[in-house]
């Protein structure tokens, strides 16, 4: 069977599939040429990440497809229900990138707290004394309260890092069942901490010093954080979004930054990827990264291995 990994696959995943008898093609095919390529090359499985979409047009026009796989968590770039209705297998890798995304978020939190994202840009051309004064109002993470909106695998991994930094963690989720978070403290020691999520964001949002979002794109297209939520926030809150573009209303975000409600924001995802609004990229209080939450060598190996394991178990 022929597999097109259109957005790439790790070497270890490719090797495992080839050892199991699959042909793995890693050519990058333009989205507009994808239907013709899949049909002409008799591709039976399409693997994507975030760059390639697999919508109804591809599903209808490519009757030879048996599987669509997403190397990552969110599958909003795939018409999942329609594909399954048409008899295709649809898979993803929900556990593989959790730690990598959590580490990016915690890195952004340190950067926002000490203006690192801005000093990187200005040290070469700026006045040292002026910059030192501008960056002299940093804050520490220890003792601060973080609200983690969406308490699945990634949210729980982030909670582990935040607890390790001495932060207070408030989890917000539709499910309010207590969760045990394991916090490694070195030398093979782990501490178990139980966290019970709340499903009432408005009740806790005013107590948060940091907010990190880990929710999927909403089915109705609405934002989880918009003007209503910004109005309830503590002045000087810092926010990270490494979930999906659109879960924060970007226009309302810019307004909250400009009026001082939000001290700084880190965005790894945007509404209009891969062409985000220039106001976001150039805003002095926004740190931007190009959707790299899962872009570690370890995560990519885990993603490749998990995709390979699922394909082999079902089609090998």
Protein backbone atom coordinates (compact mmCIF):
# COMPACT_ATOMS: atom_id res chain seq x y z
CA UNK A 1 0.00 0.00 0.00
CA UNK A 2 1.21 3.48 -0.86
CA UNK A 3 1.27 6.26 1.73
CA UNK A 4 1.74 9.93 0.95
CA UNK A 5 3.12 11.78 3.98
CA UNK A 6 2.50 15.17 2.45
CA UNK A 7 3.73 17.21 5.40
CA UNK A 8 6.56 14.81 6.18
CA UNK A 9 7.04 12.03 8.71
CA UNK A 10 9.95 11.27 11.03
CA UNK A 11 12.63 8.86 9.86
CA UNK A 12 11.74 6.35 12.56
CA UNK A 13 8.07 6.34 11.53
CA UNK A 14 8.98 5.95 7.85
CA UNK A 15 11.32 3.07 8.60
CA UNK A 16 8.73 1.22 10.69
CA UNK A 17 6.15 1.53 7.92
CA UNK A 18 8.58 0.42 5.23
CA UNK A 19 9.70 -2.54 7.32
CA UNK A 20 6.03 -3.55 7.50
CA UNK A 21 5.78 -3.49 3.71
CA UNK A 22 4.28 -0.04 3.07
CA UNK A 23 5.63 2.38 0.45
CA UNK A 24 6.06 5.82 2.02
CA UNK A 25 6.30 8.89 -0.22
CA UNK A 26 7.40 12.17 1.35
CA UNK A 27 7.13 14.37 -1.74
CA UNK A 28 5.44 17.68 -0.92
CA UNK A 29 2.47 18.00 -3.24
CA UNK A 30 0.78 21.37 -3.62
CA UNK A 31 -2.76 21.43 -2.21
CA UNK A 32 -4.19 22.26 -5.65
CA UNK A 33 -2.46 19.24 -7.23
CA UNK A 34 -3.24 16.78 -4.47
CA UNK A 35 -6.29 15.11 -6.02
CA UNK A 36 -4.52 14.41 -9.31
CA UNK A 37 -1.43 13.12 -7.52
CA UNK A 38 -3.35 10.79 -5.21
CA UNK A 39 -5.27 9.27 -8.11
CA UNK A 40 -2.40 9.06 -10.60
CA UNK A 41 -0.02 7.52 -8.06
CA UNK A 42 -2.62 5.18 -6.55
CA UNK A 43 -2.16 6.61 -3.06
CA UNK A 44 -4.24 4.73 -0.49
CA UNK A 45 -3.26 6.63 2.66
CA UNK A 46 -2.75 10.37 3.15
CA UNK A 47 -0.83 11.64 6.18
CA UNK A 48 -0.93 15.35 6.98
CA UNK A 49 0.04 17.76 9.70
CA UNK A 50 -1.27 21.32 9.72
CA UNK A 51 -0.16 22.52 6.26
CA UNK A 52 -2.32 20.17 4.17
CA UNK A 53 -6.11 19.99 4.35
CA UNK A 54 -8.21 16.93 3.60
CA UNK A 55 -11.69 18.20 2.86
CA UNK A 56 -14.80 16.83 1.19
CA UNK A 57 -13.44 17.56 -2.30
CA UNK A 58 -10.45 15.24 -1.80
CA UNK A 59 -12.55 12.57 -0.09
CA UNK A 60 -15.08 12.56 -2.95
CA UNK A 61 -12.53 12.77 -5.76
CA UNK A 62 -10.16 10.10 -4.45
CA UNK A 63 -12.09 6.83 -4.14
CA UNK A 64 -8.90 4.84 -3.62
CA UNK A 65 -8.15 6.49 -0.29
CA UNK A 66 -8.55 4.21 2.68
CA UNK A 67 -7.03 6.29 5.47
CA UNK A 68 -6.33 9.90 6.41
CA UNK A 69 -3.94 10.44 9.30
CA UNK A 70 -3.11 13.62 11.18
CA UNK A 71 0.32 13.85 12.78
CA UNK A 72 -0.82 15.83 15.80
CA UNK A 73 -3.82 16.44 18.01
CA UNK A 74 -6.36 18.74 16.37
CA UNK A 75 -8.07 17.53 13.21
CA UNK A 76 -9.85 20.71 12.13
CA UNK A 77 -8.02 20.54 8.78
CA UNK A 78 -9.77 17.23 8.02
CA UNK A 79 -13.48 16.67 7.41
CA UNK A 80 -13.41 13.83 9.90
CA UNK A 81 -17.11 12.96 10.16
CA UNK A 82 -17.59 13.03 6.40
CA UNK A 83 -14.51 10.86 5.79
CA UNK A 84 -15.69 8.26 8.27
CA UNK A 85 -19.19 8.37 6.80
CA UNK A 86 -17.58 7.48 3.46
CA UNK A 87 -15.82 4.51 5.04
CA UNK A 88 -12.32 5.98 5.48
CA UNK A 89 -10.28 5.39 8.58
CA UNK A 90 -9.21 8.65 10.24
CA UNK A 91 -6.48 8.67 12.88
CA UNK A 92 -4.41 11.18 14.83
CA UNK A 93 -1.71 11.16 17.50
CA UNK A 94 -3.20 12.86 20.58
CA UNK A 95 -0.51 11.86 23.09
CA UNK A 96 2.68 12.37 21.13
CA UNK A 97 3.20 16.13 21.31
CA UNK A 98 1.76 16.96 24.73
CA UNK A 99 5.08 17.50 26.48
CA UNK A 100 6.57 19.52 23.62
CA UNK A 101 3.60 21.90 23.52
CA UNK A 102 3.67 22.28 27.31
CA UNK A 103 7.38 23.12 27.22
CA UNK A 104 6.85 25.75 24.53
CA UNK A 105 4.13 27.35 26.66
CA UNK A 106 6.25 27.41 29.80
CA UNK A 107 9.10 28.89 27.74
CA UNK A 108 6.77 31.61 26.47
CA UNK A 109 5.66 32.33 30.02
CA UNK A 110 9.23 32.97 31.14
CA UNK A 111 9.82 35.11 28.06
CA UNK A 112 6.69 37.20 28.67
CA UNK A 113 7.55 37.63 32.35
CA UNK A 114 10.99 39.09 31.65
CA UNK A 115 10.43 40.77 28.24
CA UNK A 116 12.85 38.33 26.58
CA UNK A 117 10.87 38.30 23.34
CA UNK A 118 11.30 42.07 23.01
CA UNK A 119 14.88 42.36 24.23
CA UNK A 120 15.99 39.81 21.63
CA UNK A 121 14.74 42.18 18.94
CA UNK A 122 16.07 45.42 20.39
CA UNK A 123 19.44 44.79 22.04
CA UNK A 124 21.44 45.18 18.84
CA UNK A 125 20.01 48.57 17.89
CA UNK A 126 18.56 49.96 21.14
CA UNK A 127 20.01 52.13 23.88
CA UNK A 128 21.22 49.82 26.68
CA UNK A 129 20.21 52.15 29.53
CA UNK A 130 16.77 52.79 28.07
CA UNK A 131 16.15 49.10 27.45
CA UNK A 132 17.24 48.20 30.97
CA UNK A 133 14.71 50.69 32.34
CA UNK A 134 11.98 49.41 30.02
CA UNK A 135 12.56 45.80 31.05
CA UNK A 136 12.92 46.54 34.75
CA UNK A 137 9.36 45.58 35.64
CA UNK A 138 9.49 41.85 35.15
CA UNK A 139 7.61 39.37 37.31
CA UNK A 140 8.36 35.95 38.75
CA UNK A 141 6.33 32.83 38.00
CA UNK A 142 6.63 31.37 41.49
CA UNK A 143 3.56 32.20 43.54
CA UNK A 144 1.50 33.34 40.55
CA UNK A 145 -1.78 31.71 39.52
CA UNK A 146 -2.19 30.18 36.09
CA UNK A 147 -5.52 29.28 34.57
CA UNK A 148 -5.27 26.37 32.15
CA UNK A 149 -8.33 26.39 29.88
CA UNK A 150 -8.73 22.86 28.55
CA UNK A 151 -7.34 20.20 30.86
CA UNK A 152 -6.59 17.28 28.58
CA UNK A 153 -3.16 15.78 27.99
CA UNK A 154 -1.43 19.04 27.07
CA UNK A 155 -3.10 21.00 29.87
CA UNK A 156 -2.08 18.38 32.41
CA UNK A 157 1.51 18.37 31.13
CA UNK A 158 1.59 22.16 31.44
CA UNK A 159 0.19 21.90 34.97
CA UNK A 160 3.07 19.60 35.88
CA UNK A 161 5.62 22.19 34.73
CA UNK A 162 3.73 25.08 36.34
CA UNK A 163 3.46 23.27 39.67
CA UNK A 164 7.17 22.52 39.46
CA UNK A 165 7.79 26.26 39.10
CA UNK A 166 5.80 26.92 42.27
CA UNK A 167 2.70 28.29 40.55
CA UNK A 168 -0.88 27.85 41.70
CA UNK A 169 -2.91 26.00 39.05
CA UNK A 170 -6.59 26.46 38.30
CA UNK A 171 -7.94 24.13 35.62
CA UNK A 172 -10.99 25.00 33.52
CA UNK A 173 -12.65 22.20 31.59
CA UNK A 174 -16.07 20.85 30.64
CA UNK A 175 -15.25 17.76 32.71
CA UNK A 176 -14.90 18.34 36.45
CA UNK A 177 -13.59 14.94 37.50
CA UNK A 178 -10.48 15.25 39.72
CA UNK A 179 -7.20 14.65 37.87
CA UNK A 180 -3.93 13.49 39.41
CA UNK A 181 -1.00 15.42 37.95
CA UNK A 182 2.45 13.91 38.35
CA UNK A 183 5.21 16.43 39.05
CA UNK A 184 8.77 15.09 38.55
CA UNK A 185 11.20 16.84 40.89
CA UNK A 186 14.42 15.10 39.84
CA UNK A 187 16.37 12.09 41.06
CA UNK A 188 13.50 9.79 40.06
CA UNK A 189 11.09 11.45 42.49
CA UNK A 190 7.49 12.21 41.54
CA UNK A 191 4.88 14.08 43.51
CA UNK A 192 1.18 13.45 42.84
CA UNK A 193 -1.08 16.50 43.05
CA UNK A 194 -4.85 16.26 42.59
CA UNK A 195 -6.56 19.06 40.67
CA UNK A 196 -10.32 19.35 40.27
CA UNK A 197 -11.23 21.44 37.21
CA UNK A 198 -14.03 23.97 37.24
CA UNK A 199 -16.37 24.44 34.30
CA UNK A 200 -17.08 28.07 35.20
CA UNK A 201 -14.43 30.26 33.61
CA UNK A 202 -16.12 33.49 34.63
CA UNK A 203 -15.90 32.53 38.31
CA UNK A 204 -12.10 32.27 38.28
CA UNK A 205 -10.87 34.43 35.41
CA UNK A 206 -10.44 37.53 37.58
CA UNK A 207 -7.96 35.68 39.82
CA UNK A 208 -5.54 34.64 37.10
CA UNK A 209 -2.06 36.08 36.54
CA UNK A 210 -1.43 33.82 33.53
CA UNK A 211 -3.81 32.10 31.13
CA UNK A 212 -2.98 29.30 28.72
CA UNK A 213 -5.49 27.86 26.26
CA UNK A 214 -5.59 24.19 25.25
CA UNK A 215 -8.98 23.77 23.60
CA UNK A 216 -9.94 22.82 20.05
CA UNK A 217 -11.36 25.26 17.56
CA UNK A 218 -15.00 25.71 18.52
CA UNK A 219 -17.56 24.03 16.26
CA UNK A 220 -19.58 27.22 15.88
CA UNK A 221 -16.47 29.30 15.18
CA UNK A 222 -16.86 31.36 18.35
CA UNK A 223 -13.94 32.51 20.48
CA UNK A 224 -13.36 31.19 24.00
CA UNK A 225 -11.76 34.50 24.96
CA UNK A 226 -13.27 37.72 23.62
CA UNK A 227 -14.23 41.20 24.89
CA UNK A 228 -16.54 39.79 27.60
CA UNK A 229 -13.75 37.68 29.12
CA UNK A 230 -11.10 40.40 28.75
CA UNK A 231 -13.35 42.74 30.74
CA UNK A 232 -13.31 40.29 33.68
CA UNK A 233 -9.53 39.76 33.74
CA UNK A 234 -7.06 41.07 36.27
CA UNK A 235 -5.10 44.04 34.96
CA UNK A 236 -1.66 42.89 33.81
CA UNK A 237 -2.58 39.29 32.98
CA UNK A 238 -0.30 37.40 30.57
CA UNK A 239 -1.76 34.98 28.03
CA UNK A 240 -0.39 32.15 25.87
CA UNK A 241 -2.29 30.50 23.01
CA UNK A 242 -0.71 27.36 21.60
CA UNK A 243 -4.06 25.70 20.85
CA UNK A 244 -5.80 26.92 17.70
CA UNK A 245 -6.23 30.25 15.96
CA UNK A 246 -9.65 31.69 16.61
CA UNK A 247 -10.06 30.55 20.22
CA UNK A 248 -9.03 34.12 21.12
CA UNK A 249 -10.75 36.96 19.27
CA UNK A 250 -7.73 38.70 17.77
CA UNK A 251 -9.38 42.12 17.42
CA UNK A 252 -10.48 42.08 21.05
CA UNK A 253 -7.02 40.87 22.07
CA UNK A 254 -5.32 43.86 20.45
CA UNK A 255 -7.76 46.18 22.22
CA UNK A 256 -7.04 44.52 25.58
CA UNK A 257 -3.30 44.91 25.03
CA UNK A 258 -3.65 48.55 24.03
CA UNK A 259 -5.82 49.47 27.04
CA UNK A 260 -3.47 47.76 29.50
CA UNK A 261 -5.71 44.91 30.59
CA UNK A 262 -3.28 42.37 29.14
CA UNK A 263 0.42 42.93 29.82
CA UNK A 264 1.72 40.57 27.12
CA UNK A 265 0.67 37.67 24.92
CA UNK A 266 2.43 34.78 23.23
CA UNK A 267 0.82 33.32 20.12
CA UNK A 268 1.89 30.11 18.42
CA UNK A 269 -1.34 29.90 16.41
CA UNK A 270 -3.34 32.40 14.39
CA UNK A 271 -6.71 32.74 12.70
CA UNK A 272 -5.29 33.20 9.22
CA UNK A 273 -2.39 30.77 9.07
CA UNK A 274 0.00 30.85 7.34
CA UNK A 275 -0.58 34.60 6.84
CA UNK A 276 -1.34 36.10 10.27
CA UNK A 277 -2.49 39.69 10.71
CA UNK A 278 0.44 42.08 10.61
CA UNK A 279 -0.90 43.91 13.69
CA UNK A 280 -0.19 40.76 15.67
CA UNK A 281 3.28 40.14 14.27
CA UNK A 282 4.42 43.73 14.82
CA UNK A 283 2.72 44.45 18.16
CA UNK A 284 5.34 45.25 20.85
CA UNK A 285 3.47 43.23 23.48
CA UNK A 286 3.04 40.05 21.44
CA UNK A 287 5.60 37.25 21.16
CA UNK A 288 4.99 35.15 18.04
CA UNK A 289 6.12 31.70 16.98
CA UNK A 290 5.08 29.97 13.73
CA UNK A 291 2.92 27.08 15.07
CA UNK A 292 5.86 25.09 16.44
CA UNK A 293 4.23 23.56 19.52
CA UNK A 294 4.97 20.00 18.38
CA UNK A 295 8.18 20.85 16.53
CA UNK A 296 10.71 18.98 18.64
CA UNK A 297 12.75 16.02 17.49
CA UNK A 298 11.31 13.90 20.29
CA UNK A 299 7.70 14.77 19.50
CA UNK A 300 8.16 14.15 15.78
CA UNK A 301 9.65 10.73 16.49
CA UNK A 302 6.72 9.90 18.78
CA UNK A 303 4.22 11.13 16.18
CA UNK A 304 5.82 9.03 13.44
CA UNK A 305 5.93 5.96 15.64
CA UNK A 306 2.31 6.38 16.75
CA UNK A 307 1.08 6.84 13.17
CA UNK A 308 3.05 3.78 12.07
CA UNK A 309 1.75 1.66 14.95
CA UNK A 310 -1.88 2.51 14.19
CA UNK A 311 -1.51 1.91 10.45
CA UNK A 312 0.31 -1.37 10.91
CA UNK A 313 -2.20 -2.63 13.47
CA UNK A 314 -5.15 -1.89 11.14
CA UNK A 315 -3.71 -2.51 7.69
CA UNK A 316 -0.51 -4.50 8.18
